[in-house]
Amino acid sequence: MQAYAEYLCIDTIADADLMYVARYALLADLPPGWAAYLDADGNEFFHNAATAESQYEHPLDNTYREMYRDLKAKKAAGLGAGA
């Protein structure tokens, strides 16, 4: 989880209290229309049949990066992570 948190740009030291965002991201289901596959080298990638889009990054990674940034900003503003 540590490596995935760092991949999502989570400061695992300063924001240890926000590590749950990485856990949510790791357990996230794929959005409708997306499926996971392995390429010839065994690397996981994601494909959306409706749009013919393929990518190696989970389709929701940016969503969880934004969630972390929003929670970090609230924390910095003194609003707390749950605000």
PDB file of N, CA and C in Angstrom:
ATOM      1  N   MET A   1       0.827  -1.188   0.000  1.00  0.00           N
ATOM      2  CA  MET A   1       0.000   0.000   0.000  1.00  0.00           C
ATOM      3  C   MET A   1       0.870   1.250   0.000  1.00  0.00           C
ATOM      4  N   GLN A   2       2.008   1.186   0.639  1.00  0.00           N
ATOM      5  CA  GLN A   2       2.934   2.320   0.698  1.00  0.00           C
ATOM      6  C   GLN A   2       3.322   2.786  -0.713  1.00  0.00           C
ATOM      7  N   ALA A   3       3.719   1.849  -1.555  1.00  0.00           N
ATOM      8  CA  ALA A   3       4.145   2.197  -2.914  1.00  0.00           C
ATOM      9  C   ALA A   3       2.988   2.781  -3.715  1.00  0.00           C
ATOM     10  N   TYR A   4       1.788   2.228  -3.544  1.00  0.00           N
ATOM     11  CA  TYR A   4       0.644   2.747  -4.279  1.00  0.00           C
ATOM     12  C   TYR A   4       0.277   4.139  -3.792  1.00  0.00           C
ATOM     13  N   ALA A   5       0.382   4.367  -2.497  1.00  0.00           N
ATOM     14  CA  ALA A   5       0.130   5.702  -1.948  1.00  0.00           C
ATOM     15  C   ALA A   5       1.108   6.711  -2.555  1.00  0.00           C
ATOM     16  N   GLU A   6       2.366   6.342  -2.628  1.00  0.00           N
ATOM     17  CA  GLU A   6       3.356   7.233  -3.225  1.00  0.00           C
ATOM     18  C   GLU A   6       3.062   7.457  -4.706  1.00  0.00           C
ATOM     19  N   TYR A   7       2.605   6.429  -5.404  1.00  0.00           N
ATOM     20  CA  TYR A   7       2.216   6.545  -6.811  1.00  0.00           C
ATOM     21  C   TYR A   7       1.080   7.559  -6.970  1.00  0.00           C
ATOM     22  N   LEU A   8       0.174   7.598  -5.990  1.00  0.00           N
ATOM     23  CA  LEU A   8      -0.930   8.552  -6.014  1.00  0.00           C
ATOM     24  C   LEU A   8      -0.516   9.931  -5.514  1.00  0.00           C
ATOM     25  N   CYS A   9       0.766  10.105  -5.214  1.00  0.00           N
ATOM     26  CA  CYS A   9       1.337  11.374  -4.733  1.00  0.00           C
ATOM     27  C   CYS A   9       0.899  11.723  -3.312  1.00  0.00           C
ATOM     28  N   ILE A  10       0.613  10.702  -2.523  1.00  0.00           N
ATOM     29  CA  ILE A  10       0.271  10.907  -1.118  1.00  0.00           C
ATOM     30  C   ILE A  10       1.561  11.007  -0.316  1.00  0.00           C
ATOM     31  N   ASP A  11       1.668  12.043   0.501  1.00  0.00           N
ATOM     32  CA  ASP A  11       2.813  12.204   1.402  1.00  0.00           C
ATOM     33  C   ASP A  11       2.571  11.254   2.582  1.00  0.00           C
ATOM     34  N   THR A  12       3.196  10.093   2.530  1.00  0.00           N
ATOM     35  CA  THR A  12       2.911   9.034   3.503  1.00  0.00           C
ATOM     36  C   THR A  12       3.417   9.354   4.907  1.00  0.00           C
ATOM     37  N   ILE A  13       4.289  10.326   5.026  1.00  0.00           N
ATOM     38  CA  ILE A  13       4.785  10.733   6.353  1.00  0.00           C
ATOM     39  C   ILE A  13       3.889  11.828   6.923  1.00  0.00           C
ATOM     40  N   ALA A  14       3.793  12.954   6.216  1.00  0.00           N
ATOM     41  CA  ALA A  14       3.022  14.096   6.713  1.00  0.00           C
ATOM     42  C   ALA A  14       1.524  13.808   6.761  1.00  0.00           C
ATOM     43  N   ASP A  15       1.068  12.948   5.881  1.00  0.00           N
ATOM     44  CA  ASP A  15      -0.364  12.678   5.799  1.00  0.00           C
ATOM     45  C   ASP A  15      -0.688  11.212   6.053  1.00  0.00           C
ATOM     46  N   ALA A  16      -0.029  10.641   7.049  1.00  0.00           N
ATOM     47  CA  ALA A  16      -0.284   9.239   7.394  1.00  0.00           C
ATOM     48  C   ALA A  16      -1.756   9.019   7.720  1.00  0.00           C
ATOM     49  N   ASP A  17      -2.416  10.048   8.239  1.00  0.00           N
ATOM     50  CA  ASP A  17      -3.836   9.943   8.571  1.00  0.00           C
ATOM     51  C   ASP A  17      -4.734   9.878   7.334  1.00  0.00           C
ATOM     52  N   LEU A  18      -4.174  10.149   6.162  1.00  0.00           N
ATOM     53  CA  LEU A  18      -4.948  10.097   4.920  1.00  0.00           C
ATOM     54  C   LEU A  18      -4.609   8.866   4.071  1.00  0.00           C
ATOM     55  N   MET A  19      -3.851   7.942   4.642  1.00  0.00           N
ATOM     56  CA  MET A  19      -3.479   6.735   3.903  1.00  0.00           C
ATOM     57  C   MET A  19      -4.695   5.895   3.509  1.00  0.00           C
ATOM     58  N   TYR A  20      -5.807   6.111   4.174  1.00  0.00           N
ATOM     59  CA  TYR A  20      -7.000   5.357   3.810  1.00  0.00           C
ATOM     60  C   TYR A  20      -7.423   5.636   2.367  1.00  0.00           C
ATOM     61  N   VAL A  21      -7.040   6.775   1.825  1.00  0.00           N
ATOM     62  CA  VAL A  21      -7.354   7.082   0.431  1.00  0.00           C
ATOM     63  C   VAL A  21      -6.679   6.054  -0.487  1.00  0.00           C
ATOM     64  N   ALA A  22      -5.443   5.705  -0.196  1.00  0.00           N
ATOM     65  CA  ALA A  22      -4.734   4.692  -0.993  1.00  0.00           C
ATOM     66  C   ALA A  22      -5.420   3.336  -0.863  1.00  0.00           C
ATOM     67  N   ARG A  23      -5.881   3.019   0.325  1.00  0.00           N
ATOM     68  CA  ARG A  23      -6.580   1.748   0.533  1.00  0.00           C
ATOM     69  C   ARG A  23      -7.871   1.723  -0.290  1.00  0.00           C
ATOM     70  N   TYR A  24      -8.621   2.819  -0.261  1.00  0.00           N
ATOM     71  CA  TYR A  24      -9.834   2.905  -1.082  1.00  0.00           C
ATOM     72  C   TYR A  24      -9.495   2.711  -2.555  1.00  0.00           C
ATOM     73  N   ALA A  25      -8.428   3.368  -3.009  1.00  0.00           N
ATOM     74  CA  ALA A  25      -8.035   3.286  -4.420  1.00  0.00           C
ATOM     75  C   ALA A  25      -7.653   1.859  -4.799  1.00  0.00           C
ATOM     76  N   LEU A  26      -6.913   1.191  -3.924  1.00  0.00           N
ATOM     77  CA  LEU A  26      -6.502  -0.184  -4.208  1.00  0.00           C
ATOM     78  C   LEU A  26      -7.686  -1.136  -4.322  1.00  0.00           C
ATOM     79  N   LEU A  27      -8.734  -0.861  -3.577  1.00  0.00           N
ATOM     80  CA  LEU A  27      -9.898  -1.741  -3.553  1.00  0.00           C
ATOM     81  C   LEU A  27     -11.005  -1.306  -4.506  1.00  0.00           C
ATOM     82  N   ALA A  28     -10.791  -0.212  -5.212  1.00  0.00           N
ATOM     83  CA  ALA A  28     -11.838   0.350  -6.071  1.00  0.00           C
ATOM     84  C   ALA A  28     -12.194  -0.584  -7.228  1.00  0.00           C
ATOM     85  N   ASP A  29     -13.470  -0.744  -7.427  1.00  0.00           N
ATOM     86  CA  ASP A  29     -13.952  -1.468  -8.600  1.00  0.00           C
ATOM     87  C   ASP A  29     -13.736  -0.607  -9.835  1.00  0.00           C
ATOM     88  N   LEU A  30     -13.693  -1.241 -10.966  1.00  0.00           N
ATOM     89  CA  LEU A  30     -13.604  -0.498 -12.220  1.00  0.00           C
ATOM     90  C   LEU A  30     -14.944   0.162 -12.518  1.00  0.00           C
ATOM     91  N   PRO A  31     -14.902   1.340 -13.120  1.00  0.00           N
ATOM     92  CA  PRO A  31     -16.159   1.974 -13.526  1.00  0.00           C
ATOM     93  C   PRO A  31     -16.856   1.123 -14.593  1.00  0.00           C
ATOM     94  N   PRO A  32     -18.157   1.311 -14.754  1.00  0.00           N
ATOM     95  CA  PRO A  32     -18.888   0.566 -15.783  1.00  0.00           C
ATOM     96  C   PRO A  32     -18.239   0.735 -17.167  1.00  0.00           C
ATOM     97  N   GLY A  33     -18.160  -0.370 -17.877  1.00  0.00           N
ATOM     98  CA  GLY A  33     -17.603  -0.344 -19.229  1.00  0.00           C
ATOM     99  C   GLY A  33     -16.125  -0.669 -19.295  1.00  0.00           C
ATOM    100  N   TRP A  34     -15.426  -0.643 -18.160  1.00  0.00           N
ATOM    101  CA  TRP A  34     -13.993  -0.909 -18.116  1.00  0.00           C
ATOM    102  C   TRP A  34     -13.742  -2.356 -17.706  1.00  0.00           C
ATOM    103  N   ALA A  35     -12.680  -2.934 -18.248  1.00  0.00           N
ATOM    104  CA  ALA A  35     -12.254  -4.287 -17.889  1.00  0.00           C
ATOM    105  C   ALA A  35     -10.733  -4.304 -17.795  1.00  0.00           C
ATOM    106  N   ALA A  36     -10.208  -5.194 -16.963  1.00  0.00           N
ATOM    107  CA  ALA A  36      -8.758  -5.332 -16.789  1.00  0.00           C
ATOM    108  C   ALA A  36      -8.265  -6.522 -17.611  1.00  0.00           C
ATOM    109  N   TYR A  37      -7.098  -6.339 -18.213  1.00  0.00           N
ATOM    110  CA  TYR A  37      -6.464  -7.376 -19.026  1.00  0.00           C
ATOM    111  C   TYR A  37      -4.967  -7.367 -18.739  1.00  0.00           C
ATOM    112  N   LEU A  38      -4.276  -8.386 -19.220  1.00  0.00           N
ATOM    113  CA  LEU A  38      -2.820  -8.435 -19.139  1.00  0.00           C
ATOM    114  C   LEU A  38      -2.260  -8.319 -20.547  1.00  0.00           C
ATOM    115  N   ASP A  39      -1.197  -7.517 -20.691  1.00  0.00           N
ATOM    116  CA  ASP A  39      -0.543  -7.415 -21.995  1.00  0.00           C
ATOM    117  C   ASP A  39       0.420  -8.590 -22.179  1.00  0.00           C
ATOM    118  N   ALA A  40       1.124  -8.613 -23.283  1.00  0.00           N
ATOM    119  CA  ALA A  40       2.026  -9.729 -23.610  1.00  0.00           C
ATOM    120  C   ALA A  40       3.135  -9.905 -22.578  1.00  0.00           C
ATOM    121  N   ASP A  41       3.472  -8.830 -21.855  1.00  0.00           N
ATOM    122  CA  ASP A  41       4.520  -8.898 -20.836  1.00  0.00           C
ATOM    123  C   ASP A  41       3.968  -9.185 -19.440  1.00  0.00           C
ATOM    124  N   GLY A  42       2.658  -9.374 -19.342  1.00  0.00           N
ATOM    125  CA  GLY A  42       2.052  -9.665 -18.044  1.00  0.00           C
ATOM    126  C   GLY A  42       1.678  -8.434 -17.246  1.00  0.00           C
ATOM    127  N   ASN A  43       1.727  -7.248 -17.858  1.00  0.00           N
ATOM    128  CA  ASN A  43       1.351  -6.014 -17.173  1.00  0.00           C
ATOM    129  C   ASN A  43      -0.147  -5.775 -17.306  1.00  0.00           C
ATOM    130  N   GLU A  44      -0.758  -5.388 -16.214  1.00  0.00           N
ATOM    131  CA  GLU A  44      -2.192  -5.119 -16.244  1.00  0.00           C
ATOM    132  C   GLU A  44      -2.470  -3.807 -16.966  1.00  0.00           C
ATOM    133  N   PHE A  45      -3.505  -3.820 -17.795  1.00  0.00           N
ATOM    134  CA  PHE A  45      -3.978  -2.586 -18.408  1.00  0.00           C
ATOM    135  C   PHE A  45      -5.498  -2.628 -18.418  1.00  0.00           C
ATOM    136  N   PHE A  46      -6.091  -1.489 -18.698  1.00  0.00           N
ATOM    137  CA  PHE A  46      -7.535  -1.341 -18.618  1.00  0.00           C
ATOM    138  C   PHE A  46      -8.073  -0.908 -19.970  1.00  0.00           C
ATOM    139  N   HIS A  47      -9.223  -1.472 -20.324  1.00  0.00           N
ATOM    140  CA  HIS A  47      -9.814  -1.177 -21.625  1.00  0.00           C
ATOM    141  C   HIS A  47     -11.301  -0.900 -21.472  1.00  0.00           C
ATOM    142  N   ASN A  48     -11.750   0.115 -22.186  1.00  0.00           N
ATOM    143  CA  ASN A  48     -13.161   0.446 -22.230  1.00  0.00           C
ATOM    144  C   ASN A  48     -13.651   0.119 -23.632  1.00  0.00           C
ATOM    145  N   ALA A  49     -14.465  -0.901 -23.750  1.00  0.00           N
ATOM    146  CA  ALA A  49     -14.931  -1.362 -25.062  1.00  0.00           C
ATOM    147  C   ALA A  49     -15.799  -0.320 -25.755  1.00  0.00           C
ATOM    148  N   ALA A  50     -16.573   0.444 -24.992  1.00  0.00           N
ATOM    149  CA  ALA A  50     -17.476   1.431 -25.591  1.00  0.00           C
ATOM    150  C   ALA A  50     -16.721   2.584 -26.247  1.00  0.00           C
ATOM    151  N   THR A  51     -15.598   2.971 -25.650  1.00  0.00           N
ATOM    152  CA  THR A  51     -14.838   4.113 -26.184  1.00  0.00           C
ATOM    153  C   THR A  51     -13.574   3.672 -26.917  1.00  0.00           C
ATOM    154  N   ALA A  52     -13.247   2.384 -26.849  1.00  0.00           N
ATOM    155  CA  ALA A  52     -12.023   1.814 -27.430  1.00  0.00           C
ATOM    156  C   ALA A  52     -10.767   2.396 -26.796  1.00  0.00           C
ATOM    157  N   GLU A  53     -10.900   2.939 -25.594  1.00  0.00           N
ATOM    158  CA  GLU A  53      -9.760   3.512 -24.873  1.00  0.00           C
ATOM    159  C   GLU A  53      -9.061   2.424 -24.063  1.00  0.00           C
ATOM    160  N   SER A  54      -7.731   2.421 -24.104  1.00  0.00           N
ATOM    161  CA  SER A  54      -6.915   1.524 -23.280  1.00  0.00           C
ATOM    162  C   SER A  54      -5.885   2.351 -22.540  1.00  0.00           C
ATOM    163  N   GLN A  55      -5.591   1.956 -21.322  1.00  0.00           N
ATOM    164  CA  GLN A  55      -4.589   2.669 -20.527  1.00  0.00           C
ATOM    165  C   GLN A  55      -4.049   1.746 -19.447  1.00  0.00           C
ATOM    166  N   TYR A  56      -2.860   2.063 -18.981  1.00  0.00           N
ATOM    167  CA  TYR A  56      -2.242   1.260 -17.931  1.00  0.00           C
ATOM    168  C   TYR A  56      -2.618   1.748 -16.539  1.00  0.00           C
ATOM    169  N   GLU A  57      -3.056   2.969 -16.413  1.00  0.00           N
ATOM    170  CA  GLU A  57      -3.461   3.510 -15.122  1.00  0.00           C
ATOM    171  C   GLU A  57      -4.928   3.173 -14.863  1.00  0.00           C
ATOM    172  N   HIS A  58      -5.229   2.764 -13.631  1.00  0.00           N
ATOM    173  CA  HIS A  58      -6.618   2.482 -13.264  1.00  0.00           C
ATOM    174  C   HIS A  58      -7.449   3.723 -13.581  1.00  0.00           C
ATOM    175  N   PRO A  59      -8.621   3.553 -14.176  1.00  0.00           N
ATOM    176  CA  PRO A  59      -9.429   4.708 -14.577  1.00  0.00           C
ATOM    177  C   PRO A  59      -9.810   5.656 -13.443  1.00  0.00           C
ATOM    178  N   LEU A  60      -9.729   5.197 -12.204  1.00  0.00           N
ATOM    179  CA  LEU A  60     -10.100   6.048 -11.075  1.00  0.00           C
ATOM    180  C   LEU A  60      -8.915   6.629 -10.313  1.00  0.00           C
ATOM    181  N   ASP A  61      -7.690   6.377 -10.764  1.00  0.00           N
ATOM    182  CA  ASP A  61      -6.521   6.888 -10.035  1.00  0.00           C
ATOM    183  C   ASP A  61      -6.576   8.408  -9.862  1.00  0.00           C
ATOM    184  N   ASN A  62      -6.937   9.133 -10.897  1.00  0.00           N
ATOM    185  CA  ASN A  62      -7.010  10.595 -10.771  1.00  0.00           C
ATOM    186  C   ASN A  62      -8.097  11.027  -9.798  1.00  0.00           C
ATOM    187  N   THR A  63      -9.174  10.281  -9.728  1.00  0.00           N
ATOM    188  CA  THR A  63     -10.241  10.573  -8.765  1.00  0.00           C
ATOM    189  C   THR A  63      -9.697  10.502  -7.345  1.00  0.00           C
ATOM    190  N   TYR A  64      -8.893   9.473  -7.066  1.00  0.00           N
ATOM    191  CA  TYR A  64      -8.347   9.318  -5.716  1.00  0.00           C
ATOM    192  C   TYR A  64      -7.222  10.315  -5.446  1.00  0.00           C
ATOM    193  N   ARG A  65      -6.477  10.702  -6.464  1.00  0.00           N
ATOM    194  CA  ARG A  65      -5.489  11.776  -6.287  1.00  0.00           C
ATOM    195  C   ARG A  65      -6.192  13.074  -5.893  1.00  0.00           C
ATOM    196  N   GLU A  66      -7.285  13.372  -6.575  1.00  0.00           N
ATOM    197  CA  GLU A  66      -8.055  14.581  -6.258  1.00  0.00           C
ATOM    198  C   GLU A  66      -8.666  14.497  -4.865  1.00  0.00           C
ATOM    199  N   MET A  67      -9.162  13.326  -4.486  1.00  0.00           N
ATOM    200  CA  MET A  67      -9.714  13.146  -3.149  1.00  0.00           C
ATOM    201  C   MET A  67      -8.650  13.464  -2.101  1.00  0.00           C
ATOM    202  N   TYR A  68      -7.447  12.926  -2.305  1.00  0.00           N
ATOM    203  CA  TYR A  68      -6.357  13.192  -1.370  1.00  0.00           C
ATOM    204  C   TYR A  68      -6.048  14.689  -1.315  1.00  0.00           C
ATOM    205  N   ARG A  69      -5.921  15.332  -2.473  1.00  0.00           N
ATOM    206  CA  ARG A  69      -5.609  16.772  -2.495  1.00  0.00           C
ATOM    207  C   ARG A  69      -6.679  17.582  -1.778  1.00  0.00           C
ATOM    208  N   ASP A  70      -7.945  17.230  -1.985  1.00  0.00           N
ATOM    209  CA  ASP A  70      -9.034  17.944  -1.319  1.00  0.00           C
ATOM    210  C   ASP A  70      -8.974  17.758   0.195  1.00  0.00           C
ATOM    211  N   LEU A  71      -8.762  16.523   0.634  1.00  0.00           N
ATOM    212  CA  LEU A  71      -8.671  16.254   2.070  1.00  0.00           C
ATOM    213  C   LEU A  71      -7.469  16.935   2.695  1.00  0.00           C
ATOM    214  N   LYS A  72      -6.341  16.948   1.982  1.00  0.00           N
ATOM    215  CA  LYS A  72      -5.132  17.617   2.474  1.00  0.00           C
ATOM    216  C   LYS A  72      -5.377  19.122   2.611  1.00  0.00           C
ATOM    217  N   ALA A  73      -6.062  19.717   1.641  1.00  0.00           N
ATOM    218  CA  ALA A  73      -6.353  21.151   1.687  1.00  0.00           C
ATOM    219  C   ALA A  73      -7.279  21.471   2.856  1.00  0.00           C
ATOM    220  N   LYS A  74      -8.282  20.620   3.085  1.00  0.00           N
ATOM    221  CA  LYS A  74      -9.178  20.832   4.217  1.00  0.00           C
ATOM    222  C   LYS A  74      -8.422  20.725   5.536  1.00  0.00           C
ATOM    223  N   LYS A  75      -7.531  19.759   5.598  1.00  0.00           N
ATOM    224  CA  LYS A  75      -6.734  19.582   6.811  1.00  0.00           C
ATOM    225  C   LYS A  75      -5.862  20.803   7.054  1.00  0.00           C
ATOM    226  N   ALA A  76      -5.240  21.309   5.999  1.00  0.00           N
ATOM    227  CA  ALA A  76      -4.375  22.488   6.111  1.00  0.00           C
ATOM    228  C   ALA A  76      -5.173  23.731   6.522  1.00  0.00           C
ATOM    229  N   ALA A  77      -6.419  23.790   6.109  1.00  0.00           N
ATOM    230  CA  ALA A  77      -7.276  24.930   6.449  1.00  0.00           C
ATOM    231  C   ALA A  77      -7.888  24.775   7.835  1.00  0.00           C
ATOM    232  N   GLY A  78      -7.572  23.673   8.512  1.00  0.00           N
ATOM    233  CA  GLY A  78      -8.090  23.449   9.856  1.00  0.00           C
ATOM    234  C   GLY A  78      -9.509  22.920   9.870  1.00  0.00           C
ATOM    235  N   LEU A  79      -9.973  22.432   8.740  1.00  0.00           N
ATOM    236  CA  LEU A  79     -11.330  21.912   8.656  1.00  0.00           C
ATOM    237  C   LEU A  79     -11.415  20.440   8.990  1.00  0.00           C
ATOM    238  N   GLY A  80     -10.273  19.776   9.065  1.00  0.00           N
ATOM    239  CA  GLY A  80     -10.245  18.340   9.363  1.00  0.00           C
ATOM    240  C   GLY A  80     -10.517  17.528   8.120  1.00  0.00           C
ATOM    241  N   ALA A  81     -10.024  16.300   8.112  1.00  0.00           N
ATOM    242  CA  ALA A  81     -10.168  15.431   6.950  1.00  0.00           C
ATOM    243  C   ALA A  81     -11.602  14.999   6.729  1.00  0.00           C
ATOM    244  N   GLY A  82     -12.429  15.039   7.753  1.00  0.00           N
ATOM    245  CA  GLY A  82     -13.803  14.597   7.610  1.00  0.00           C
ATOM    246  C   GLY A  82     -14.766  15.713   7.274  1.00  0.00           C
ATOM    247  N   ALA A  83     -14.281  16.936   7.146  1.00  0.00           N
ATOM    248  CA  ALA A  83     -15.168  18.075   6.893  1.00  0.00           C
ATOM    249  C   ALA A  83     -15.687  18.094   5.477  1.00  0.00           C
TER     250      ALA A  83
END
